[in-house]
Amino acid sequence: MKRLSRDEIAQRLARDIPEGAFVNLGIGLPTKVANYLPDDKEIFLQSENGVLGMGPAPAKGEEDWNLINAGKQPVTLLKGGSYFHHADSFAMMRGGHLDICVLGAFQVSCDGDLANWHTGEPDAIPAVGGAMDLAIGARSVYIMMELLTKEGQSKLVAQCTYPLTGLKCVSRVYTDYAVFEIQPGGVVKVIEDCAGVGQAELLKLTGLPLAF
């Protein structure tokens, strides 16, 4: 068994972004997707701090710290890219103008509920940011995460126990073990067994009645 690395999850997700899509990459793990978008597709990356047309991360030593994404990471700007006001960026996010947003998550439920801003721990720093706007505003929400917590518990759950970011908003979940699709009626379908562990193992790891 070979689970996907974080870069391999990003690479796998990037393959599913269609030509011409307007996409927001959330803070953290999702930003890796920018490095794996194919050169033969025109895809428009948006950042909530007011950038459209981002490219991959700059080479070491070539960073321009006036050009960053929402996670304060240096980025590049493709030909035709633009900057604009934060309020215009949120109008784009809330107005249904994004085809896909890619977010990280603490938990995703069978119904597509998303919890990604707070674990409820007393010493945790809550940081919802623009995640709730993206979760509801984007046409499709792709989650990128490792399937299990450090304690070995599935983050894909029957019902979220952490504070929610959005209800019934998640379309797909890309993990180190498999790619899952959230279907109507609370059905979670495995559309690719990336680690090759087999149906029985995925059922055991998630504890859910998966469809294959």
Protein backbone atom coordinates (compact mmCIF):
# COMPACT_ATOMS: atom_id res chain seq x y z
CA MET A 1 0.00 0.00 0.00
CA LYS A 2 1.31 3.43 -0.95
CA ARG A 3 -0.75 6.36 0.22
CA LEU A 4 -0.52 9.55 -1.82
CA SER A 5 1.73 12.30 -0.53
CA ARG A 6 0.29 15.78 -0.13
CA ASP A 7 1.84 16.81 -3.43
CA GLU A 8 0.36 13.74 -5.13
CA ILE A 9 -3.11 14.59 -3.76
CA ALA A 10 -2.70 18.08 -5.25
CA GLN A 11 -1.58 16.59 -8.55
CA ARG A 12 -4.56 14.21 -8.62
CA LEU A 13 -7.03 17.01 -7.92
CA ALA A 14 -5.47 19.29 -10.54
CA ARG A 15 -6.29 16.71 -13.22
CA ASP A 16 -10.02 17.17 -12.56
CA ILE A 17 -10.12 20.96 -13.01
CA PRO A 18 -11.56 21.66 -16.46
CA GLU A 19 -10.44 24.10 -19.12
CA GLY A 20 -11.61 27.67 -18.51
CA ALA A 21 -12.53 27.15 -14.85
CA PHE A 22 -12.35 29.98 -12.31
CA VAL A 23 -10.90 28.44 -9.14
CA ASN A 24 -10.12 29.57 -5.60
CA LEU A 25 -7.44 27.63 -3.72
CA GLY A 26 -7.88 27.80 0.04
CA ILE A 27 -5.15 28.48 2.57
CA GLY A 28 -2.78 25.64 3.39
CA LEU A 29 -2.71 22.34 1.53
CA PRO A 30 -4.92 23.46 -1.41
CA THR A 31 -2.34 26.04 -2.54
CA LYS A 32 -0.19 23.14 -3.79
CA VAL A 33 -2.69 22.58 -6.62
CA ALA A 34 -1.36 25.66 -8.43
CA ASN A 35 1.95 23.88 -9.03
CA TYR A 36 0.32 20.98 -10.89
CA LEU A 37 -2.15 22.62 -13.26
CA PRO A 38 -1.42 21.45 -16.83
CA ASP A 39 0.15 23.97 -19.19
CA ASP A 40 -2.25 23.04 -22.00
CA LYS A 41 -5.31 24.20 -20.02
CA GLU A 42 -6.27 27.81 -19.36
CA ILE A 43 -7.42 27.90 -15.73
CA PHE A 44 -7.96 31.13 -13.77
CA LEU A 45 -6.87 31.07 -10.13
CA GLN A 46 -8.46 33.60 -7.78
CA SER A 47 -7.36 34.58 -4.28
CA GLU A 48 -9.73 36.24 -1.79
CA ASN A 49 -7.27 39.06 -1.06
CA GLY A 50 -7.92 40.36 -4.59
CA VAL A 51 -5.90 38.51 -7.23
CA LEU A 52 -7.08 36.79 -10.42
CA GLY A 53 -4.74 34.94 -12.77
CA MET A 54 -2.22 33.51 -10.33
CA GLY A 55 0.43 31.08 -11.52
CA PRO A 56 2.58 28.54 -9.66
CA ALA A 57 4.78 29.40 -6.70
CA PRO A 58 7.89 31.42 -7.61
CA ALA A 59 11.34 29.88 -7.63
CA LYS A 60 13.35 30.31 -4.43
CA GLY A 61 14.98 33.72 -4.42
CA GLU A 62 12.51 35.15 -6.97
CA GLU A 63 9.68 35.92 -4.54
CA ASP A 64 7.89 39.28 -4.78
CA TRP A 65 6.43 39.92 -1.34
CA ASN A 66 4.05 42.50 -2.78
CA LEU A 67 2.40 39.60 -4.65
CA ILE A 68 0.94 37.10 -2.19
CA ASN A 69 -2.12 34.90 -1.82
CA ALA A 70 -4.61 34.88 1.07
CA GLY A 71 -2.25 32.68 3.08
CA LYS A 72 0.53 35.28 2.74
CA GLN A 73 2.55 32.98 0.47
CA PRO A 74 4.38 34.52 -2.51
CA VAL A 75 2.78 33.70 -5.86
CA THR A 76 3.34 34.52 -9.52
CA LEU A 77 0.98 36.32 -11.86
CA LEU A 78 0.26 34.99 -15.34
CA LYS A 79 -0.07 37.20 -18.41
CA GLY A 80 -3.42 38.98 -18.20
CA GLY A 81 -3.64 38.59 -14.43
CA SER A 82 -5.05 41.41 -12.30
CA TYR A 83 -5.35 42.87 -8.80
CA PHE A 84 -8.51 44.40 -7.32
CA HIS A 85 -10.17 45.45 -4.08
CA HIS A 86 -10.88 42.92 -1.34
CA ALA A 87 -14.59 43.80 -1.51
CA ASP A 88 -14.69 43.02 -5.25
CA SER A 89 -13.03 39.69 -4.54
CA PHE A 90 -15.70 38.75 -1.99
CA ALA A 91 -18.42 39.87 -4.41
CA MET A 92 -16.93 37.41 -6.90
CA MET A 93 -16.92 34.65 -4.26
CA ARG A 94 -20.41 35.31 -2.93
CA GLY A 95 -21.99 36.00 -6.31
CA GLY A 96 -21.55 32.51 -7.76
CA HIS A 97 -18.74 33.51 -10.15
CA LEU A 98 -16.32 30.75 -9.09
CA ASP A 99 -16.62 27.33 -10.68
CA ILE A 100 -14.59 25.51 -8.03
CA CYS A 101 -13.06 26.22 -4.66
CA VAL A 102 -10.55 23.86 -3.07
CA LEU A 103 -10.52 23.83 0.72
CA GLY A 104 -8.97 21.86 3.55
CA ALA A 105 -11.17 20.28 6.21
CA PHE A 106 -11.26 18.87 9.72
CA GLN A 107 -14.41 16.88 8.86
CA VAL A 108 -16.78 16.26 5.95
CA SER A 109 -20.10 14.49 6.48
CA CYS A 110 -21.95 12.07 4.22
CA ASP A 111 -24.39 14.88 3.40
CA GLY A 112 -21.55 17.17 2.29
CA ASP A 113 -21.49 19.31 5.44
CA LEU A 114 -18.11 20.97 5.96
CA ALA A 115 -16.25 21.73 9.20
CA ASN A 116 -12.91 23.42 8.57
CA TRP A 117 -12.52 26.46 10.80
CA HIS A 118 -12.51 25.31 14.44
CA THR A 119 -11.97 22.04 16.32
CA GLY A 120 -13.72 23.25 19.44
CA GLU A 121 -10.56 22.81 21.50
CA PRO A 122 -10.18 25.53 24.17
CA ASP A 123 -6.66 26.48 23.03
CA ALA A 124 -7.47 26.45 19.29
CA ILE A 125 -7.58 29.74 17.38
CA PRO A 126 -10.78 29.92 15.30
CA ALA A 127 -10.15 31.24 11.80
CA VAL A 128 -13.13 30.96 9.49
CA GLY A 129 -11.78 33.61 7.08
CA GLY A 130 -13.55 33.49 3.71
CA ALA A 131 -14.19 29.74 3.87
CA MET A 132 -17.91 30.10 4.56
CA ASP A 133 -18.31 32.50 1.63
CA LEU A 134 -16.47 30.10 -0.66
CA ALA A 135 -18.32 27.02 0.58
CA ILE A 136 -21.68 28.54 -0.28
CA GLY A 137 -20.68 30.74 -3.23
CA ALA A 138 -18.66 28.35 -5.42
CA ARG A 139 -20.51 26.04 -7.82
CA SER A 140 -18.41 23.05 -6.70
CA VAL A 141 -16.46 22.57 -3.47
CA TYR A 142 -13.52 20.17 -3.57
CA ILE A 143 -11.94 19.16 -0.27
CA MET A 144 -8.28 18.20 -0.08
CA MET A 145 -7.21 16.41 3.10
CA GLU A 146 -5.60 13.33 4.58
CA LEU A 147 -8.32 10.78 5.32
CA LEU A 148 -7.30 10.01 8.91
CA THR A 149 -6.41 12.15 11.91
CA LYS A 150 -3.13 11.55 13.76
CA GLU A 151 -5.16 9.33 16.09
CA GLY A 152 -6.36 7.21 13.15
CA GLN A 153 -9.93 8.48 13.08
CA SER A 154 -11.67 9.16 9.76
CA LYS A 155 -12.28 12.80 8.84
CA LEU A 156 -15.04 11.58 6.51
CA VAL A 157 -17.88 11.03 8.95
CA ALA A 158 -21.57 10.26 9.22
CA GLN A 159 -22.14 13.59 10.99
CA CYS A 160 -19.73 16.43 11.78
CA THR A 161 -18.94 17.00 15.45
CA TYR A 162 -16.95 20.21 14.89
CA PRO A 163 -18.53 23.65 14.28
CA LEU A 164 -19.81 23.81 10.70
CA THR A 165 -18.57 26.05 7.91
CA GLY A 166 -21.34 25.17 5.45
CA LEU A 167 -24.24 22.75 5.00
CA LYS A 168 -24.45 20.28 2.08
CA CYS A 169 -21.81 22.17 0.12
CA VAL A 170 -19.06 19.61 -0.59
CA SER A 171 -18.93 17.94 -4.02
CA ARG A 172 -15.77 15.83 -3.81
CA VAL A 173 -13.14 14.83 -1.25
CA TYR A 174 -9.56 14.13 -2.38
CA THR A 175 -7.50 12.16 0.14
CA ASP A 176 -4.31 10.12 0.41
CA TYR A 177 -6.35 6.91 0.19
CA ALA A 178 -9.12 7.64 -2.30
CA VAL A 179 -11.25 10.19 -4.12
CA PHE A 180 -14.81 10.36 -2.83
CA GLU A 181 -17.89 11.94 -4.41
CA ILE A 182 -20.73 13.22 -2.23
CA GLN A 183 -24.00 12.23 -3.89
CA PRO A 184 -27.64 13.09 -3.08
CA GLY A 185 -29.20 11.32 -0.12
CA GLY A 186 -26.00 11.11 1.90
CA VAL A 187 -24.32 8.61 -0.43
CA VAL A 188 -20.51 8.69 -0.48
CA LYS A 189 -19.14 7.06 -3.62
CA VAL A 190 -15.52 6.01 -4.10
CA ILE A 191 -14.56 7.12 -7.59
CA GLU A 192 -10.90 6.17 -7.31
CA ASP A 193 -8.95 3.95 -4.89
CA CYS A 194 -5.68 5.91 -5.12
CA ALA A 195 -3.74 3.78 -2.62
CA GLY A 196 -5.04 0.46 -3.96
CA VAL A 197 -6.19 -0.71 -0.53
CA GLY A 198 -9.45 -2.25 -1.77
CA GLN A 199 -13.08 -1.86 -0.86
CA ALA A 200 -12.96 -3.74 2.46
CA GLU A 201 -10.15 -1.57 3.82
CA LEU A 202 -11.84 1.70 2.79
CA LEU A 203 -15.05 0.56 4.47
CA LYS A 204 -13.06 -0.24 7.62
CA LEU A 205 -11.10 3.04 7.62
CA THR A 206 -14.15 5.27 7.19
CA GLY A 207 -16.77 3.19 9.00
CA LEU A 208 -19.27 4.37 6.37
CA PRO A 209 -21.53 2.44 3.95
CA LEU A 210 -19.59 3.55 0.88
CA ALA A 211 -20.71 3.04 -2.69
CA PHE A 212 -18.21 1.88 -5.30
